[in-house]
């Protein structure tokens, strides 16, 4: 344990560093701007995880619909077990506790470095990650496990990230006050890829290319498409995951019920999401803001957008 800690500490000290939204520490690891806290967990994930062919992994950048997709995926796969949506686990557990994250819970930096016993989980095992495709463990890329990837307009991703990271507990009691007039500076960092799990283009293109070359491996979804036509996308997710809806289910309105249960409005009003935290210092209530398409127009000037397009 001490040997591992020493190696991670030495590696962390040698890597380039940045701060996102003022105080959230990042390090450049394998061309990826990784949250400093997640370095050890990411190394353990890459070196220890053994994928099963039945595994389903949700991949995304932060603030691109991860909580929404976790809720949908969990509900789709377990709909025969939890058929009464009024008593669904989402009412008592945050989605991040139902679909565990490799970097933040399974291989958390606070662990003792031993390999977690994931074999006890019943198939299909549902996981999530923010790691880019080419940085995933070889066992995931070489197995028949399936990946559902969701991307979001980069400008909306930035605005959502800006609001989210400015509210985390990490800042509280440390004498740091966020200057929201510095949005231009941080947008510049975003354009350079210096934000949690960036760069944006590398992340999105890695999964998109694999979805084109191997559509049975990666299902590539767009947040905006999910918002516009959730029913078609939920059907696509269910089919890809190996849990297609029957004609009888469709006629009974099961798909509509799932969409309603997992909607931003529904999740936001659940008591479990109004209190508590996940991953140690992210508050549940901060997971749900607007979820709108095009909210960036309320914050970014035409000149900033132009600079992004030219980047």
Protein backbone atom coordinates (compact mmCIF):
# COMPACT_ATOMS: atom_id res chain seq x y z
CA UNK A 1 0.00 0.00 0.00
CA UNK A 2 2.74 2.47 0.96
CA UNK A 3 4.71 1.54 -2.16
CA UNK A 4 1.69 2.28 -4.35
CA UNK A 5 1.04 5.56 -2.56
CA UNK A 6 4.66 6.59 -3.03
CA UNK A 7 4.61 5.76 -6.73
CA UNK A 8 1.37 7.68 -7.29
CA UNK A 9 2.66 10.64 -5.29
CA UNK A 10 5.93 10.73 -7.24
CA UNK A 11 4.07 10.47 -10.53
CA UNK A 12 1.61 13.19 -9.51
CA UNK A 13 4.44 15.52 -8.52
CA UNK A 14 6.10 15.06 -11.91
CA UNK A 15 3.02 15.79 -14.04
CA UNK A 16 1.88 19.20 -15.39
CA UNK A 17 -0.81 20.82 -13.26
CA UNK A 18 -3.74 23.22 -13.71
CA UNK A 19 -6.72 24.41 -11.66
CA UNK A 20 -10.23 24.28 -13.05
CA UNK A 21 -12.67 27.05 -12.07
CA UNK A 22 -10.07 28.47 -9.75
CA UNK A 23 -9.34 25.68 -7.29
CA UNK A 24 -10.22 22.23 -8.66
CA UNK A 25 -6.80 20.55 -9.19
CA UNK A 26 -6.01 18.80 -12.47
CA UNK A 27 -2.96 16.90 -13.69
CA UNK A 28 -2.00 15.90 -17.23
CA UNK A 29 -1.91 12.10 -17.33
CA UNK A 30 -1.71 10.24 -20.65
CA UNK A 31 -2.69 13.42 -22.54
CA UNK A 32 -5.78 13.61 -20.31
CA UNK A 33 -6.49 16.40 -17.82
CA UNK A 34 -7.41 14.20 -14.92
CA UNK A 35 -8.70 15.41 -11.54
CA UNK A 36 -5.77 14.95 -9.16
CA UNK A 37 -7.90 12.97 -6.76
CA UNK A 38 -8.62 10.37 -9.45
CA UNK A 39 -5.02 9.54 -10.40
CA UNK A 40 -4.56 6.46 -8.23
CA UNK A 41 -8.06 5.19 -8.96
CA UNK A 42 -7.49 5.59 -12.70
CA UNK A 43 -4.21 3.66 -12.54
CA UNK A 44 -5.88 0.87 -10.54
CA UNK A 45 -8.79 0.82 -12.99
CA UNK A 46 -6.45 0.55 -15.98
CA UNK A 47 -4.30 -2.19 -14.44
CA UNK A 48 -6.77 -4.26 -12.43
CA UNK A 49 -10.19 -4.27 -14.08
CA UNK A 50 -11.23 -7.43 -15.92
CA UNK A 51 -14.26 -6.91 -18.11
CA UNK A 52 -17.01 -9.46 -18.68
CA UNK A 53 -18.65 -9.78 -22.07
CA UNK A 54 -21.96 -8.96 -20.38
CA UNK A 55 -20.74 -5.67 -18.87
CA UNK A 56 -22.44 -2.43 -19.95
CA UNK A 57 -20.43 0.74 -19.44
CA UNK A 58 -21.74 4.27 -19.65
CA UNK A 59 -19.03 6.66 -20.83
CA UNK A 60 -19.15 10.46 -20.96
CA UNK A 61 -17.47 13.71 -20.16
CA UNK A 62 -18.72 15.31 -16.93
CA UNK A 63 -21.84 17.45 -17.27
CA UNK A 64 -23.06 15.90 -20.51
CA UNK A 65 -26.05 13.97 -19.14
CA UNK A 66 -24.30 11.30 -17.06
CA UNK A 67 -26.83 11.25 -14.21
CA UNK A 68 -29.73 11.11 -16.66
CA UNK A 69 -28.17 8.26 -18.65
CA UNK A 70 -27.33 6.31 -15.50
CA UNK A 71 -30.96 6.57 -14.41
CA UNK A 72 -32.24 5.47 -17.82
CA UNK A 73 -29.80 2.59 -18.21
CA UNK A 74 -30.42 1.23 -14.71
CA UNK A 75 -34.18 1.43 -15.15
CA UNK A 76 -34.15 -0.17 -18.61
CA UNK A 77 -32.03 -3.13 -17.56
CA UNK A 78 -33.84 -3.72 -14.26
CA UNK A 79 -37.40 -3.00 -15.35
CA UNK A 80 -38.60 -6.56 -14.72
CA UNK A 81 -37.14 -6.54 -11.20
CA UNK A 82 -38.47 -3.08 -10.30
CA UNK A 83 -41.71 -2.96 -12.25
CA UNK A 84 -43.48 -0.69 -9.74
CA UNK A 85 -41.95 2.71 -10.54
CA UNK A 86 -43.55 4.28 -7.46
CA UNK A 87 -41.19 2.11 -5.38
CA UNK A 88 -38.20 2.26 -7.71
CA UNK A 89 -34.66 2.44 -6.20
CA UNK A 90 -34.22 5.87 -7.81
CA UNK A 91 -36.54 7.21 -5.13
CA UNK A 92 -34.15 6.17 -2.38
CA UNK A 93 -30.70 6.08 -4.02
CA UNK A 94 -28.95 8.64 -6.17
CA UNK A 95 -28.21 7.30 -9.67
CA UNK A 96 -24.47 7.45 -8.97
CA UNK A 97 -24.92 4.86 -6.21
CA UNK A 98 -26.86 2.56 -8.52
CA UNK A 99 -24.36 2.69 -11.39
CA UNK A 100 -20.88 2.89 -9.87
CA UNK A 101 -18.12 5.01 -11.33
CA UNK A 102 -14.72 3.43 -11.87
CA UNK A 103 -12.68 6.52 -11.02
CA UNK A 104 -14.71 7.83 -8.09
CA UNK A 105 -16.18 4.87 -6.22
CA UNK A 106 -14.89 1.46 -7.38
CA UNK A 107 -11.20 2.39 -7.48
CA UNK A 108 -11.42 5.47 -5.31
CA UNK A 109 -8.18 7.13 -4.17
CA UNK A 110 -9.22 6.55 -0.58
CA UNK A 111 -9.17 2.78 -1.06
CA UNK A 112 -6.28 0.61 0.16
CA UNK A 113 -5.20 -0.30 -3.35
CA UNK A 114 -6.54 -3.85 -3.19
CA UNK A 115 -8.68 -5.13 -6.01
CA UNK A 116 -12.43 -4.79 -5.32
CA UNK A 117 -14.52 -7.94 -5.60
CA UNK A 118 -16.66 -7.15 -8.63
CA UNK A 119 -17.29 -10.81 -9.43
CA UNK A 120 -20.09 -10.88 -6.87
CA UNK A 121 -22.15 -8.46 -8.94
CA UNK A 122 -24.95 -10.07 -10.93
CA UNK A 123 -24.78 -9.70 -14.71
CA UNK A 124 -25.15 -7.44 -16.46
CA UNK A 125 -22.76 -5.35 -14.41
CA UNK A 126 -23.41 -1.66 -14.97
CA UNK A 127 -20.50 0.77 -14.67
CA UNK A 128 -19.61 4.32 -15.65
CA UNK A 129 -16.46 6.20 -16.55
CA UNK A 130 -15.20 9.58 -17.76
CA UNK A 131 -12.00 8.06 -19.17
CA UNK A 132 -11.39 8.44 -22.96
CA UNK A 133 -11.71 5.32 -25.11
CA UNK A 134 -8.02 4.75 -25.79
CA UNK A 135 -7.24 5.09 -22.05
CA UNK A 136 -9.71 2.37 -21.04
CA UNK A 137 -8.34 -0.96 -19.79
CA UNK A 138 -7.47 -3.39 -22.56
CA UNK A 139 -9.97 -5.89 -21.14
CA UNK A 140 -12.83 -3.50 -21.94
CA UNK A 141 -11.63 -2.73 -25.45
CA UNK A 142 -10.90 -6.37 -26.33
CA UNK A 143 -13.97 -7.97 -24.75
CA UNK A 144 -17.56 -8.03 -25.99
CA UNK A 145 -18.61 -5.64 -23.23
CA UNK A 146 -20.72 -2.78 -24.55
CA UNK A 147 -20.25 0.96 -24.14
CA UNK A 148 -22.96 3.60 -24.32
CA UNK A 149 -21.43 7.02 -24.89
CA UNK A 150 -23.21 10.35 -24.64
CA UNK A 151 -21.82 13.66 -25.86
CA UNK A 152 -23.18 17.19 -25.55
CA UNK A 153 -22.68 20.47 -27.35
CA UNK A 154 -19.29 21.70 -26.09
CA UNK A 155 -20.58 25.19 -25.27
CA UNK A 156 -23.37 23.81 -23.08
CA UNK A 157 -20.88 21.36 -21.58
CA UNK A 158 -18.66 24.26 -20.56
CA UNK A 159 -21.48 26.31 -19.01
CA UNK A 160 -22.80 23.32 -17.08
CA UNK A 161 -19.29 22.50 -15.88
CA UNK A 162 -18.69 26.12 -14.84
CA UNK A 163 -21.79 26.21 -12.68
CA UNK A 164 -21.26 22.75 -11.23
CA UNK A 165 -17.63 23.04 -10.16
CA UNK A 166 -18.21 26.49 -8.69
CA UNK A 167 -20.58 24.93 -6.12
CA UNK A 168 -18.65 21.94 -4.83
CA UNK A 169 -17.71 21.62 -1.17
CA UNK A 170 -14.04 21.75 -2.08
CA UNK A 171 -14.19 25.54 -2.07
CA UNK A 172 -16.05 26.00 1.19
CA UNK A 173 -14.08 27.24 4.16
CA UNK A 174 -10.88 27.76 2.19
CA UNK A 175 -11.15 31.49 1.70
CA UNK A 176 -11.58 31.17 -2.06
CA UNK A 177 -14.26 33.24 -3.72
CA UNK A 178 -15.20 32.51 -7.30
CA UNK A 179 -15.10 35.47 -9.63
CA UNK A 180 -17.75 34.82 -12.25
CA UNK A 181 -16.29 37.62 -14.33
CA UNK A 182 -13.44 35.20 -15.04
CA UNK A 183 -15.64 33.08 -17.30
CA UNK A 184 -13.65 34.24 -20.31
CA UNK A 185 -10.40 32.91 -18.82
CA UNK A 186 -11.88 29.55 -18.02
CA UNK A 187 -13.56 29.31 -21.40
CA UNK A 188 -10.10 29.77 -22.86
CA UNK A 189 -8.87 26.87 -20.71
CA UNK A 190 -11.79 24.76 -21.91
CA UNK A 191 -10.88 25.49 -25.52
CA UNK A 192 -7.33 24.30 -24.72
CA UNK A 193 -8.71 21.09 -23.24
CA UNK A 194 -7.72 22.03 -19.69
CA UNK A 195 -10.86 20.92 -17.83
CA UNK A 196 -11.83 17.67 -16.05
CA UNK A 197 -11.21 14.74 -18.41
CA UNK A 198 -10.53 17.03 -21.39
CA UNK A 199 -9.68 17.72 -24.14
CA UNK A 200 -13.23 17.68 -25.50
CA UNK A 201 -12.45 16.76 -29.12
CA UNK A 202 -10.14 13.88 -28.22
CA UNK A 203 -12.72 12.45 -25.84
CA UNK A 204 -15.67 12.62 -28.22
CA UNK A 205 -13.81 11.56 -31.35
CA UNK A 206 -12.29 8.53 -29.66
CA UNK A 207 -15.69 7.02 -28.89
CA UNK A 208 -17.25 8.22 -32.15
CA UNK A 209 -14.56 6.56 -34.27
CA UNK A 210 -15.00 3.28 -32.41
CA UNK A 211 -18.80 3.49 -32.81
CA UNK A 212 -18.33 3.79 -36.58
CA UNK A 213 -15.76 1.01 -36.82
CA UNK A 214 -17.48 -1.28 -34.31
CA UNK A 215 -21.17 -0.37 -33.84
CA UNK A 216 -21.72 -3.49 -31.75
CA UNK A 217 -19.15 -2.17 -29.27
CA UNK A 218 -20.07 1.50 -28.86
CA UNK A 219 -23.45 3.19 -29.09
CA UNK A 220 -22.83 6.90 -29.67
CA UNK A 221 -25.63 9.19 -28.46
CA UNK A 222 -26.07 12.95 -28.49
CA UNK A 223 -27.62 14.74 -25.52
CA UNK A 224 -29.57 17.01 -27.86
CA UNK A 225 -31.08 14.03 -29.67
CA UNK A 226 -32.15 12.50 -26.36
CA UNK A 227 -33.89 15.73 -25.43
CA UNK A 228 -35.62 16.01 -28.81
CA UNK A 229 -36.75 12.40 -29.19
CA UNK A 230 -36.27 10.51 -25.90
CA UNK A 231 -38.51 7.60 -26.87
CA UNK A 232 -36.50 6.64 -29.94
CA UNK A 233 -33.25 6.94 -28.00
CA UNK A 234 -34.48 4.89 -25.03
CA UNK A 235 -35.56 2.14 -27.46
CA UNK A 236 -32.12 2.29 -29.09
CA UNK A 237 -30.39 2.06 -25.69
CA UNK A 238 -32.51 -0.94 -24.67
CA UNK A 239 -31.85 -2.80 -27.90
CA UNK A 240 -28.11 -2.11 -27.77
CA UNK A 241 -27.91 -3.22 -24.12
CA UNK A 242 -29.65 -6.49 -24.98
CA UNK A 243 -32.94 -5.61 -23.28
CA UNK A 244 -35.27 -4.58 -26.13
CA UNK A 245 -38.85 -3.63 -25.40
CA UNK A 246 -41.56 -6.05 -26.44
CA UNK A 247 -44.57 -4.92 -28.41
CA UNK A 248 -46.68 -5.54 -25.32
CA UNK A 249 -44.44 -3.25 -23.24
CA UNK A 250 -44.66 -0.52 -25.83
CA UNK A 251 -48.44 -0.80 -25.92
CA UNK A 252 -48.56 -0.56 -22.13
CA UNK A 253 -46.56 2.67 -22.22
CA UNK A 254 -43.55 1.29 -20.35
CA UNK A 255 -41.12 3.39 -22.39
CA UNK A 256 -43.05 6.58 -21.58
CA UNK A 257 -43.11 5.60 -17.90
CA UNK A 258 -39.33 5.14 -17.88
CA UNK A 259 -38.81 8.50 -19.57
CA UNK A 260 -41.07 10.18 -17.02
CA UNK A 261 -39.40 8.52 -14.02
CA UNK A 262 -35.91 9.44 -15.21
CA UNK A 263 -36.68 12.95 -16.43
CA UNK A 264 -34.73 15.86 -15.01
CA UNK A 265 -37.92 17.26 -13.51
CA UNK A 266 -38.72 13.96 -11.78
CA UNK A 267 -35.21 13.32 -10.46
CA UNK A 268 -34.88 16.90 -9.26
CA UNK A 269 -37.99 16.58 -7.07
CA UNK A 270 -36.99 13.30 -5.41
CA UNK A 271 -36.02 13.82 -1.77
CA UNK A 272 -32.87 11.70 -2.15
CA UNK A 273 -31.56 14.23 -4.68
CA UNK A 274 -32.31 17.27 -2.51
CA UNK A 275 -29.82 16.28 0.19
CA UNK A 276 -26.65 14.29 0.71
CA UNK A 277 -23.64 13.98 -1.57
CA UNK A 278 -21.85 11.53 -3.81
CA UNK A 279 -18.16 10.88 -4.57
CA UNK A 280 -17.44 12.50 -1.20
CA UNK A 281 -17.93 16.20 -1.93
CA UNK A 282 -20.39 16.66 -4.82
CA UNK A 283 -23.84 17.55 -3.50
CA UNK A 284 -26.77 15.68 -5.01
CA UNK A 285 -28.81 18.85 -5.49
CA UNK A 286 -26.12 20.35 -7.71
CA UNK A 287 -26.55 17.56 -10.25
CA UNK A 288 -29.74 19.13 -11.52
CA UNK A 289 -29.73 22.66 -12.88
CA UNK A 290 -31.47 23.46 -16.18
CA UNK A 291 -30.51 20.65 -18.53
CA UNK A 292 -31.44 22.94 -21.43
CA UNK A 293 -30.12 22.82 -24.95
CA UNK A 294 -28.53 26.13 -25.94
CA UNK A 295 -28.21 27.62 -22.45
CA UNK A 296 -24.73 28.79 -23.45
CA UNK A 297 -26.31 31.68 -25.36
CA UNK A 298 -27.12 33.29 -21.99
CA UNK A 299 -23.45 33.41 -20.98
CA UNK A 300 -21.05 33.39 -23.92
CA UNK A 301 -20.52 36.38 -26.18
CA UNK A 302 -20.33 36.00 -29.98
CA UNK A 303 -16.62 36.84 -29.84
CA UNK A 304 -15.95 34.00 -27.36
CA UNK A 305 -17.89 31.54 -29.50
CA UNK A 306 -15.96 32.65 -32.55
CA UNK A 307 -12.69 32.02 -30.73
CA UNK A 308 -13.89 28.51 -29.91
CA UNK A 309 -14.80 27.81 -33.55
CA UNK A 310 -11.33 28.96 -34.61
CA UNK A 311 -9.51 26.95 -31.94
